[in-house]
Amino acid sequence: MVDRLGQAVGILESCPEFAALVPEVRTNVGFALPDAAGPADIAAVDGRITVVGRMPKAAGPVEFGASDHLARRIIELRKYDDKVRAALNFRWNERIMEFMYRWCADHQVQMGAVDRADEPKNLVGRDKGSMGWKVKRLVESLDGAVPPVFYESRGWGKEPLFLLVGPDPVALAERVCAIARGYAAGCAGSD
């Protein structure tokens, strides 16, 4: 399992176009054991993936328990779809969002969204408090479905992000690299 996640990281590190999609909070990719119950059951990149010399680069090794945030998201998503074992985050901005709407339409991929402006006030700014609300809100907005692509808008102290989810981290890495190449080809020199 760790080898499969390591393969996904290698795909990301060999995709120069992906560097443009690494957010300020950096990227991580996680992969859950089939019966994952907590963050210790989910492998991710220790220190996340950043950009070094214009190339995506893992800051540390792949290991279990390396990402609490992404792990909690995977666990929440699995409550609605147990086939979701992997997740990957990437940069959001208006231009990327416009591209993603076209990309999803062209590839017949469902995209969802969570508007953090609707986040209950008692959860705003509360550490680890909103993940359940965000996932429930996303799934309810799509009649119970977990979309393979979704984004979260800006929130108090939170960077807006896109996420890809699915059963396999290699497939997610391949998909985000295809997205990155398409985005680079369509937006060359404009970002």
Protein backbone atom coordinates (compact mmCIF):
# COMPACT_ATOMS: atom_id res chain seq x y z
CA MET A 1 0.00 0.00 0.00
CA VAL A 2 2.76 2.46 0.87
CA ASP A 3 4.43 1.45 -2.41
CA ARG A 4 1.27 2.39 -4.32
CA LEU A 5 1.20 5.80 -2.66
CA GLY A 6 4.91 6.22 -3.34
CA GLN A 7 4.20 5.51 -7.01
CA ALA A 8 1.57 8.29 -6.99
CA VAL A 9 4.05 10.71 -5.43
CA GLY A 10 6.59 9.81 -8.12
CA ILE A 11 4.04 10.64 -10.83
CA LEU A 12 3.40 14.04 -9.23
CA GLU A 13 7.12 14.77 -8.84
CA SER A 14 7.72 14.03 -12.52
CA CYS A 15 4.97 16.40 -13.74
CA PRO A 16 6.39 19.94 -14.03
CA GLU A 17 2.95 21.34 -14.95
CA PHE A 18 1.61 20.24 -11.56
CA ALA A 19 3.83 22.83 -9.83
CA ALA A 20 1.32 25.53 -10.90
CA LEU A 21 -1.41 23.68 -9.00
CA VAL A 22 0.40 23.34 -5.67
CA PRO A 23 -1.42 25.62 -3.21
CA GLU A 24 0.09 27.83 -0.50
CA VAL A 25 -0.74 25.11 2.05
CA ARG A 26 1.00 22.65 -0.26
CA THR A 27 -0.40 19.41 -1.64
CA ASN A 28 -0.83 16.07 0.00
CA VAL A 29 -2.11 12.76 -1.24
CA GLY A 30 -3.46 10.18 1.17
CA PHE A 31 -4.33 6.49 0.92
CA ALA A 32 -6.42 4.64 3.52
CA LEU A 33 -6.30 1.05 4.60
CA PRO A 34 -9.54 -0.74 3.59
CA ASP A 35 -10.79 -0.66 7.20
CA ALA A 36 -9.34 2.74 8.18
CA ALA A 37 -10.77 4.10 11.41
CA GLY A 38 -8.44 7.02 12.12
CA PRO A 39 -5.50 9.08 10.83
CA ALA A 40 -3.02 6.37 11.86
CA ASP A 41 -4.65 4.09 9.24
CA ILE A 42 -4.01 6.52 6.39
CA ALA A 43 -0.66 7.02 4.69
CA ALA A 44 0.35 10.40 3.28
CA VAL A 45 3.46 12.48 2.56
CA ASP A 46 5.16 13.67 5.71
CA GLY A 47 5.56 17.44 5.24
CA ARG A 48 3.39 17.46 2.07
CA ILE A 49 4.42 18.17 -1.51
CA THR A 50 5.89 21.58 -2.27
CA VAL A 51 7.68 23.16 -5.25
CA VAL A 52 11.47 23.13 -5.48
CA GLY A 53 13.21 24.43 -8.59
CA ARG A 54 9.83 24.70 -10.36
CA MET A 55 9.12 21.00 -9.81
CA PRO A 56 6.77 19.31 -7.35
CA LYS A 57 8.80 17.69 -4.57
CA ALA A 58 7.78 15.61 -1.56
CA ALA A 59 9.14 17.19 1.60
CA GLY A 60 9.39 13.84 3.36
CA PRO A 61 8.61 10.15 3.08
CA VAL A 62 5.28 8.44 2.69
CA GLU A 63 4.14 7.11 6.07
CA PHE A 64 1.05 6.32 8.09
CA GLY A 65 -0.34 9.14 10.20
CA ALA A 66 1.52 11.85 8.25
CA SER A 67 -1.60 13.95 7.55
CA ASP A 68 -4.29 14.47 10.12
CA HIS A 69 -6.36 16.87 7.97
CA LEU A 70 -6.47 14.81 4.78
CA ALA A 71 -6.98 11.64 6.82
CA ARG A 72 -10.01 13.09 8.59
CA ARG A 73 -11.45 14.10 5.22
CA ILE A 74 -11.03 10.59 3.82
CA ILE A 75 -12.66 9.07 6.90
CA GLU A 76 -15.63 11.45 6.64
CA LEU A 77 -16.03 10.75 2.89
CA ARG A 78 -15.93 6.99 3.55
CA LYS A 79 -19.06 7.34 5.71
CA TYR A 80 -20.90 8.08 2.45
CA ASP A 81 -18.86 6.01 -0.03
CA ASP A 82 -16.54 3.27 1.24
CA LYS A 83 -14.83 3.02 -2.16
CA VAL A 84 -13.10 6.34 -1.43
CA ARG A 85 -9.67 5.42 -0.10
CA ALA A 86 -7.54 8.18 -1.62
CA ALA A 87 -7.62 11.98 -1.75
CA LEU A 88 -5.41 14.71 -3.20
CA ASN A 89 -5.72 18.49 -2.83
CA PHE A 90 -4.65 21.17 -5.31
CA ARG A 91 -4.81 24.90 -5.85
CA TRP A 92 -8.02 26.86 -6.39
CA ASN A 93 -8.37 30.25 -7.98
CA GLU A 94 -10.91 31.77 -10.38
CA ARG A 95 -8.96 30.82 -13.50
CA ILE A 96 -8.41 27.24 -12.33
CA MET A 97 -12.09 27.01 -11.38
CA GLU A 98 -13.17 28.13 -14.87
CA PHE A 99 -10.80 25.57 -16.38
CA MET A 100 -12.10 22.83 -14.07
CA TYR A 101 -15.72 23.50 -15.04
CA ARG A 102 -14.76 23.02 -18.70
CA TRP A 103 -12.54 20.02 -17.95
CA CYS A 104 -15.25 18.25 -15.93
CA ALA A 105 -17.85 18.91 -18.63
CA ASP A 106 -15.52 17.68 -21.37
CA HIS A 107 -14.66 14.52 -19.41
CA GLN A 108 -18.17 13.95 -18.01
CA VAL A 109 -16.89 14.14 -14.44
CA GLN A 110 -19.21 15.35 -11.69
CA MET A 111 -17.87 18.30 -9.69
CA GLY A 112 -19.16 19.44 -6.33
CA ALA A 113 -18.62 22.48 -4.15
CA VAL A 114 -18.78 23.52 -0.51
CA ASP A 115 -19.41 27.19 0.19
CA ARG A 116 -17.64 27.90 3.45
CA ALA A 117 -19.61 31.14 3.78
CA ASP A 118 -22.46 28.87 4.91
CA GLU A 119 -20.36 27.27 7.65
CA PRO A 120 -22.14 27.46 11.02
CA LYS A 121 -20.68 30.21 13.19
CA ASN A 122 -19.95 27.78 16.03
CA LEU A 123 -17.55 25.91 13.69
CA VAL A 124 -15.74 28.91 12.15
CA GLY A 125 -12.14 28.99 13.34
CA ARG A 126 -12.58 25.90 15.51
CA ASP A 127 -9.67 23.50 15.00
CA LYS A 128 -10.85 20.18 13.55
CA GLY A 129 -14.45 21.27 13.92
CA SER A 130 -15.79 21.60 10.40
CA MET A 131 -14.79 18.48 8.47
CA GLY A 132 -17.98 16.57 9.21
CA TRP A 133 -20.12 19.57 8.29
CA LYS A 134 -18.22 20.17 5.01
CA VAL A 135 -18.47 16.57 3.83
CA LYS A 136 -22.14 16.26 4.83
CA ARG A 137 -22.94 19.53 3.06
CA LEU A 138 -21.12 18.38 -0.09
CA VAL A 139 -22.87 15.01 -0.22
CA GLU A 140 -26.30 16.45 0.56
CA SER A 141 -25.90 18.97 -2.28
CA LEU A 142 -25.44 16.05 -4.69
CA ASP A 143 -28.29 13.82 -3.48
CA GLY A 144 -26.00 11.54 -1.50
CA ALA A 145 -23.18 11.19 -4.04
CA VAL A 146 -19.49 11.77 -3.36
CA PRO A 147 -18.14 13.56 -6.45
CA PRO A 148 -14.67 12.66 -7.74
CA VAL A 149 -13.80 16.38 -7.94
CA PHE A 150 -14.91 19.16 -5.61
CA TYR A 151 -13.74 22.44 -4.17
CA GLU A 152 -14.11 24.41 -1.00
CA SER A 153 -14.46 28.16 -1.23
CA ARG A 154 -12.57 30.57 1.01
CA GLY A 155 -13.25 30.42 4.70
CA TRP A 156 -12.05 32.24 7.79
CA GLY A 157 -8.28 31.58 7.81
CA LYS A 158 -8.69 28.88 5.14
CA GLU A 159 -7.29 28.71 1.62
CA PRO A 160 -9.80 27.58 -1.03
CA LEU A 161 -8.85 24.20 -2.50
CA PHE A 162 -9.82 21.59 -5.04
CA LEU A 163 -9.83 17.93 -4.10
CA LEU A 164 -9.80 14.74 -6.10
CA VAL A 165 -11.03 11.57 -4.40
CA GLY A 166 -11.33 7.94 -5.42
CA PRO A 167 -10.22 4.39 -4.69
CA ASP A 168 -6.59 4.67 -5.86
CA PRO A 169 -3.87 7.32 -5.39
CA VAL A 170 -2.11 6.48 -8.67
CA ALA A 171 -5.30 7.19 -10.61
CA LEU A 172 -5.65 10.51 -8.75
CA ALA A 173 -2.04 11.47 -9.53
CA GLU A 174 -2.52 10.62 -13.20
CA ARG A 175 -5.78 12.60 -13.29
CA VAL A 176 -4.34 15.72 -11.64
CA CYS A 177 -1.32 15.63 -13.97
CA ALA A 178 -3.69 15.48 -16.97
CA ILE A 179 -5.56 18.44 -15.47
CA ALA A 180 -2.28 20.30 -14.90
CA ARG A 181 -1.11 19.71 -18.47
CA GLY A 182 -4.47 20.88 -19.83
CA TYR A 183 -4.44 23.94 -17.63
CA ALA A 184 -0.86 24.79 -18.63
CA ALA A 185 -1.69 24.43 -22.33
CA GLY A 186 -4.80 26.60 -22.03
CA CYS A 187 -3.35 29.25 -19.73
CA ALA A 188 0.28 29.45 -20.83
CA GLY A 189 1.83 32.68 -19.64
CA SER A 190 -1.38 34.09 -18.17
CA ASP A 191 -1.10 33.01 -14.54
